Protein backbone atom coordinates (compact mmCIF):
# COMPACT_ATOMS: atom_id res chain seq x y z
CA MET A 1 -0.19 0.13 -0.01
CA LYS A 2 1.24 3.31 -1.16
CA ILE A 3 1.00 6.10 1.46
CA ALA A 4 4.39 7.96 0.28
CA ARG A 5 3.58 11.17 -1.61
CA LYS A 6 6.96 10.73 -3.67
CA ASP A 7 7.40 7.95 -6.44
CA LEU A 8 10.72 7.55 -5.15
CA PRO A 9 12.40 7.83 -1.41
CA ASP A 10 15.56 9.88 -1.22
CA VAL A 11 19.16 8.76 -0.46
CA GLY A 12 19.61 8.77 3.66
CA GLU A 13 15.94 8.14 3.84
CA PHE A 14 14.70 5.72 6.21
CA VAL A 15 12.24 3.34 5.29
CA ILE A 16 10.36 0.78 6.15
CA GLY A 17 10.57 -2.92 4.26
CA THR A 18 9.35 -6.11 3.87
CA ILE A 19 11.87 -9.50 2.96
CA LYS A 20 10.38 -10.75 -0.04
CA LYS A 21 13.26 -13.06 -1.03
CA ILE A 22 17.27 -13.47 0.27
CA ALA A 23 19.30 -14.21 -2.73
CA GLU A 24 22.63 -15.53 -2.77
CA HIS A 25 24.10 -11.84 -3.60
CA GLY A 26 21.62 -10.23 -1.32
CA VAL A 27 18.08 -9.48 -0.33
CA TYR A 28 14.83 -8.09 -2.33
CA ILE A 29 12.61 -5.89 -0.40
CA TYR A 30 9.49 -4.43 -0.80
CA LEU A 31 9.51 -1.08 0.45
CA ASP A 32 5.66 -0.48 1.93
CA GLU A 33 5.42 2.98 1.87
CA TYR A 34 6.44 3.47 -2.11
CA ASP A 35 4.89 0.09 -3.07
CA MET A 36 7.94 -1.10 -4.73
CA GLU A 37 10.76 -3.33 -4.74
CA ALA A 38 14.43 -2.52 -3.34
CA PHE A 39 17.51 -4.38 -3.04
CA ALA A 40 19.95 -4.70 -0.22
CA PRO A 41 23.37 -6.15 -1.26
CA THR A 42 24.96 -8.88 1.09
CA GLN A 43 27.41 -6.97 2.80
CA GLU A 44 24.68 -4.07 4.02
CA ILE A 45 22.52 -6.51 5.49
CA VAL A 46 25.80 -8.60 7.53
CA GLN A 47 28.48 -7.00 10.07
CA SER A 48 30.63 -9.91 9.12
CA TRP A 49 31.30 -11.86 5.64
CA PHE A 50 31.47 -14.72 8.10
CA HIS A 51 27.97 -14.32 9.03
CA SER A 52 24.76 -15.51 7.03
CA VAL A 53 22.19 -13.01 5.74
CA ARG A 54 19.49 -15.39 6.94
CA GLU A 55 20.86 -14.54 10.36
CA TYR A 56 19.90 -11.13 10.45
CA VAL A 57 16.70 -11.28 8.28
CA LYS A 58 13.91 -13.96 7.04
CA GLU A 59 11.38 -13.70 4.59
CA GLY A 60 7.99 -11.86 5.45
CA GLN A 61 9.86 -9.63 8.31
CA LYS A 62 9.46 -6.32 8.18
CA ALA A 63 12.82 -4.24 8.90
CA VAL A 64 13.79 -0.43 9.43
CA PHE A 65 16.57 0.01 5.85
CA ARG A 66 18.64 3.13 4.90
CA VAL A 67 18.20 4.16 1.42
CA THR A 68 21.57 4.30 -0.20
CA SER A 69 21.25 4.67 -3.98
CA VAL A 70 18.32 5.79 -6.27
CA ASN A 71 18.19 5.55 -9.68
CA PRO A 72 15.30 7.48 -11.08
CA LYS A 73 15.38 6.63 -14.51
CA MET A 74 15.48 3.07 -13.92
CA ARG A 75 13.62 3.08 -10.83
CA VAL A 76 16.03 1.27 -8.90
CA VAL A 77 16.44 1.70 -5.07
CA GLU A 78 19.40 -0.03 -2.99
CA VAL A 79 19.21 0.06 1.05
CA SER A 80 21.08 -1.29 3.62
CA LEU A 81 20.04 -2.83 7.08
CA LYS A 82 23.47 -2.30 8.89
CA ARG A 83 23.64 1.69 8.40
CA VAL A 84 20.24 1.39 10.78
CA ARG A 85 21.20 2.64 14.54
CA PRO A 86 18.82 1.62 16.84
CA GLN A 87 17.43 5.16 17.52
CA ASP A 88 17.00 5.46 13.55
CA LYS A 89 14.99 2.13 13.70
CA GLU A 90 12.95 2.66 16.84
CA LYS A 91 11.83 6.26 15.85
CA LYS A 92 11.02 5.30 12.13
CA LEU A 93 8.79 2.40 13.46
CA LEU A 94 7.07 4.64 15.86
CA GLN A 95 6.31 7.20 12.59
CA TRP A 96 5.24 3.95 10.82
CA ARG A 97 3.09 2.56 12.89
CA ARG A 98 1.33 5.83 14.00
CA GLU A 99 0.81 7.22 10.20
CA LEU A 100 -0.84 3.81 9.54
CA ARG A 101 -3.16 4.10 11.90
CA ALA A 102 -4.01 7.49 11.30
CA TYR A 103 -4.80 6.32 7.53
CA LYS A 104 -6.68 3.26 9.03
CA LEU A 105 -9.05 5.73 11.01
CA LEU A 106 -8.90 8.27 7.78
CA GLU A 107 -10.55 5.40 5.81
CA LEU A 108 -13.39 4.56 8.59
CA ALA A 109 -14.54 8.18 8.29
CA ALA A 110 -14.17 8.50 4.41
CA SER A 111 -16.47 5.04 4.64
CA LYS A 112 -18.87 6.68 7.02
CA VAL A 113 -19.74 9.67 4.95
CA GLY A 114 -19.63 7.58 1.77
CA MET A 115 -16.23 9.22 0.17
CA PRO A 116 -14.34 7.22 -2.06
CA GLN A 117 -11.38 4.97 -0.30
CA GLY A 118 -8.58 6.62 -2.33
CA GLU A 119 -9.87 9.95 -0.33
CA ALA A 120 -8.25 8.90 3.23
CA LEU A 121 -4.49 9.07 1.77
CA LYS A 122 -5.43 12.76 0.72
CA LEU A 123 -6.50 13.40 4.11
CA LEU A 124 -3.96 11.85 5.67
CA TRP A 125 -1.61 14.17 3.54
CA ALA A 126 -3.61 17.12 4.51
CA PHE A 127 -3.31 16.15 8.29
CA GLU A 128 0.46 15.54 8.06
CA ASP A 129 1.25 19.02 6.22
CA ALA A 130 -1.25 20.73 9.28
CA PHE A 131 0.00 18.70 12.19
CA GLY A 132 2.95 16.79 11.28
CA ASP A 133 2.22 13.69 12.79
CA PRO A 134 -1.41 12.83 10.98
CA LEU A 135 -2.23 11.04 14.40
CA LYS A 136 -1.68 13.86 16.31
CA ALA A 137 -4.83 15.53 14.65
CA PHE A 138 -6.78 12.78 16.53
CA GLU A 139 -5.61 12.96 19.80
CA GLU A 140 -6.11 16.87 19.54
CA ALA A 141 -9.84 16.33 18.57
CA VAL A 142 -10.16 13.99 21.87
CA LYS A 143 -8.51 16.61 24.19
CA THR A 144 -10.02 20.13 22.55
CA GLY A 145 -13.11 19.03 20.51
CA PRO A 146 -13.17 20.00 16.82
CA GLU A 147 -11.81 23.41 16.39
CA VAL A 148 -8.41 21.79 16.20
CA LEU A 149 -9.68 20.79 12.80
CA LYS A 150 -11.41 23.87 11.61
CA ALA A 151 -8.19 25.31 9.64
CA LEU A 152 -8.65 22.14 7.54
CA GLY A 153 -12.13 23.25 5.82
CA LEU A 154 -13.36 19.58 5.89
CA PRO A 155 -16.95 19.29 4.86
CA PRO A 156 -19.11 19.02 8.39
CA GLN A 157 -19.89 15.54 7.92
CA LEU A 158 -16.23 14.65 7.19
CA GLU A 159 -15.22 16.13 10.49
CA LYS A 160 -17.78 14.85 12.49
CA ALA A 161 -16.88 11.74 11.33
CA ILE A 162 -13.56 12.15 12.41
CA ILE A 163 -14.23 13.21 16.01
CA GLU A 164 -16.44 10.37 16.38
CA ILE A 165 -14.15 8.12 15.26
CA ALA A 166 -11.04 9.60 17.43
CA GLN A 167 -13.15 9.54 20.33
CA GLN A 168 -14.41 5.57 19.91
CA HIS A 169 -10.41 4.83 18.81
CA ILE A 170 -7.84 7.14 20.30
CA GLU A 171 -6.97 6.52 24.02
CA LEU A 172 -4.66 9.22 25.70
CA PRO A 173 -2.53 8.73 28.37
CA ILE A 174 -3.29 9.42 31.78
CA THR A 175 -1.92 12.88 33.03
CA LYS A 176 -1.16 13.14 36.89
CA ILE A 177 -1.08 15.98 39.02
CA SER A 178 -0.10 15.75 42.93
CA GLY A 179 0.21 18.11 45.58
CA ILE A 180 1.03 18.12 49.18
CA ILE A 181 -1.44 19.27 51.94
CA LYS A 182 -0.37 20.53 55.16
CA ALA A 183 -3.31 20.66 57.62
CA VAL A 184 -3.47 21.06 61.45
CA SER A 185 -5.96 22.54 64.11
CA ILE A 186 -5.37 23.27 67.48
CA ASP A 187 -8.60 22.20 68.86
CA GLY A 188 -9.13 19.18 71.23
CA ASP A 189 -10.83 17.51 68.52
CA GLY A 190 -8.29 18.49 65.66
CA VAL A 191 -7.74 14.94 63.92
CA GLU A 192 -10.93 14.66 63.55
CA LYS A 193 -11.59 17.86 61.90
CA VAL A 194 -8.81 17.75 59.42
CA ARG A 195 -9.91 14.36 58.61
CA GLN A 196 -13.25 15.22 58.22
CA ALA A 197 -12.44 18.54 55.86
CA LEU A 198 -10.21 16.29 53.98
CA GLU A 199 -13.06 14.00 53.33
CA ALA A 200 -15.20 16.94 52.25
CA LEU A 201 -12.28 18.01 49.82
CA GLU A 202 -12.13 14.75 48.34
CA GLY A 203 -15.78 14.33 48.07
CA ALA A 204 -16.29 17.81 46.73
CA VAL A 205 -13.28 17.80 44.14
CA ARG A 206 -14.94 14.51 42.92
CA ALA A 207 -18.46 15.50 42.57
CA ARG A 208 -16.94 18.24 40.36
CA HIS A 209 -14.65 16.87 38.13
CA ARG A 210 -15.97 13.23 37.28
CA ASN A 211 -14.05 12.45 34.75
CA VAL A 212 -11.01 12.95 37.38
CA GLU A 213 -9.84 10.43 39.60
CA VAL A 214 -9.33 12.16 43.26
CA LYS A 215 -7.16 10.54 46.09
CA ILE A 216 -6.06 11.74 49.41
CA TYR A 217 -4.76 9.98 51.79
CA VAL A 218 -1.95 10.56 54.77
CA VAL A 219 1.71 11.25 54.29
CA GLY A 220 2.57 11.86 58.10
CA PRO A 221 0.66 14.27 59.89
CA PRO A 222 0.41 16.92 59.20
CA ARG A 223 1.18 15.99 55.95
CA TYR A 224 -1.14 14.72 53.58
CA ARG A 225 -1.21 14.28 49.40
CA ILE A 226 -3.62 14.39 46.95
CA ASP A 227 -3.41 12.77 43.48
CA LEU A 228 -5.57 13.65 40.74
CA ALA A 229 -5.63 11.52 37.01
CA GLY A 230 -7.21 12.48 34.18
CA ARG A 231 -6.94 11.29 30.45
CA LEU A 232 -7.30 15.39 29.49
CA PRO A 233 -4.54 17.46 30.72
CA LYS A 234 -6.97 20.30 30.85
CA GLN A 235 -9.17 19.11 33.17
CA VAL A 236 -7.18 17.34 35.65
CA GLU A 237 -5.11 20.70 35.73
CA ALA A 238 -8.77 22.62 36.52
CA ALA A 239 -9.03 19.78 39.13
CA PHE A 240 -6.22 20.42 41.00
CA ASN A 241 -6.97 24.40 40.60
CA ASP A 242 -10.51 24.10 42.11
CA ALA A 243 -9.30 21.46 44.90
CA ASN A 244 -6.94 24.74 46.07
CA ASN A 245 -9.58 27.05 45.60
CA LEU A 246 -12.03 24.74 47.77
CA LEU A 247 -9.59 23.65 50.21
CA ILE A 248 -9.78 27.42 51.47
CA ASP A 249 -13.57 27.41 51.92
CA ILE A 250 -13.34 23.96 53.89
CA SER A 251 -10.62 24.78 56.24
CA LYS A 252 -12.63 28.00 57.19
CA LYS A 253 -15.95 25.43 57.65
CA TYR A 254 -14.05 22.89 59.47
CA LYS A 255 -11.60 25.45 61.57
CA ILE A 256 -8.78 24.01 60.51
CA ILE A 257 -5.07 25.85 59.02
CA ALA A 258 -4.58 24.15 55.49
CA ASN A 259 -2.58 25.06 52.35
CA LEU A 260 -2.04 23.09 49.32
CA GLN A 261 1.10 22.83 47.30
CA ARG A 262 1.87 21.26 44.03
CA ILE A 263 4.40 18.47 43.61
CA GLU A 264 6.70 19.53 40.47
CA LYS A 265 8.36 16.85 38.47
């Protein structure tokens, strides 16, 4: 499946390839992004002539290669496996997986509104131009809503379909914010008042921010810890700020002295 815009890769470019055939003089590779064949000479696969090519690759295996030469007229591309550093491999594989996932999601969106499947590729390129990483468009749509797609000028039905698919298929990483609460009371039943105040704080924050997990627990009196976690950073941030404001009012109600300080990472 060709998803690259160019007809041919550039020299020095990292590409995803599937091993098609291992020959005596080298390896024939299908370049997934370009829908074409490339060749890797044996010396560009093995680290030493004492090694067999099959110690490094096998038919059907996907790997990251570096383009070493391109003949545009003959459409001949040569690649190397041994010139790929571990960090280059990791970066390229991540890029490829994210790009491929974005394409699959765009295919779903196109199908949902009755667009030809070929339009998904054009959408992928448009997302790439706007966001650099096409999957980031879906992630941002979940985080902030449809406004992130407005600049693309998409038809309303398509924009709606993309938002719906993003919400169904994109799971954002957990955002965590923690803080230390110092709470004391000089009353005879001060320990009980602090406990009640912090229970009230936890309940109030949880009631106001249902998409954020809230937990308050003792570190060692008079120090307590509050942990907030959720998938939308703005919601977690808002919950922490709200906790700070609520603590002021709750402290007055329960006649304790308390403050909240964020734990900086």
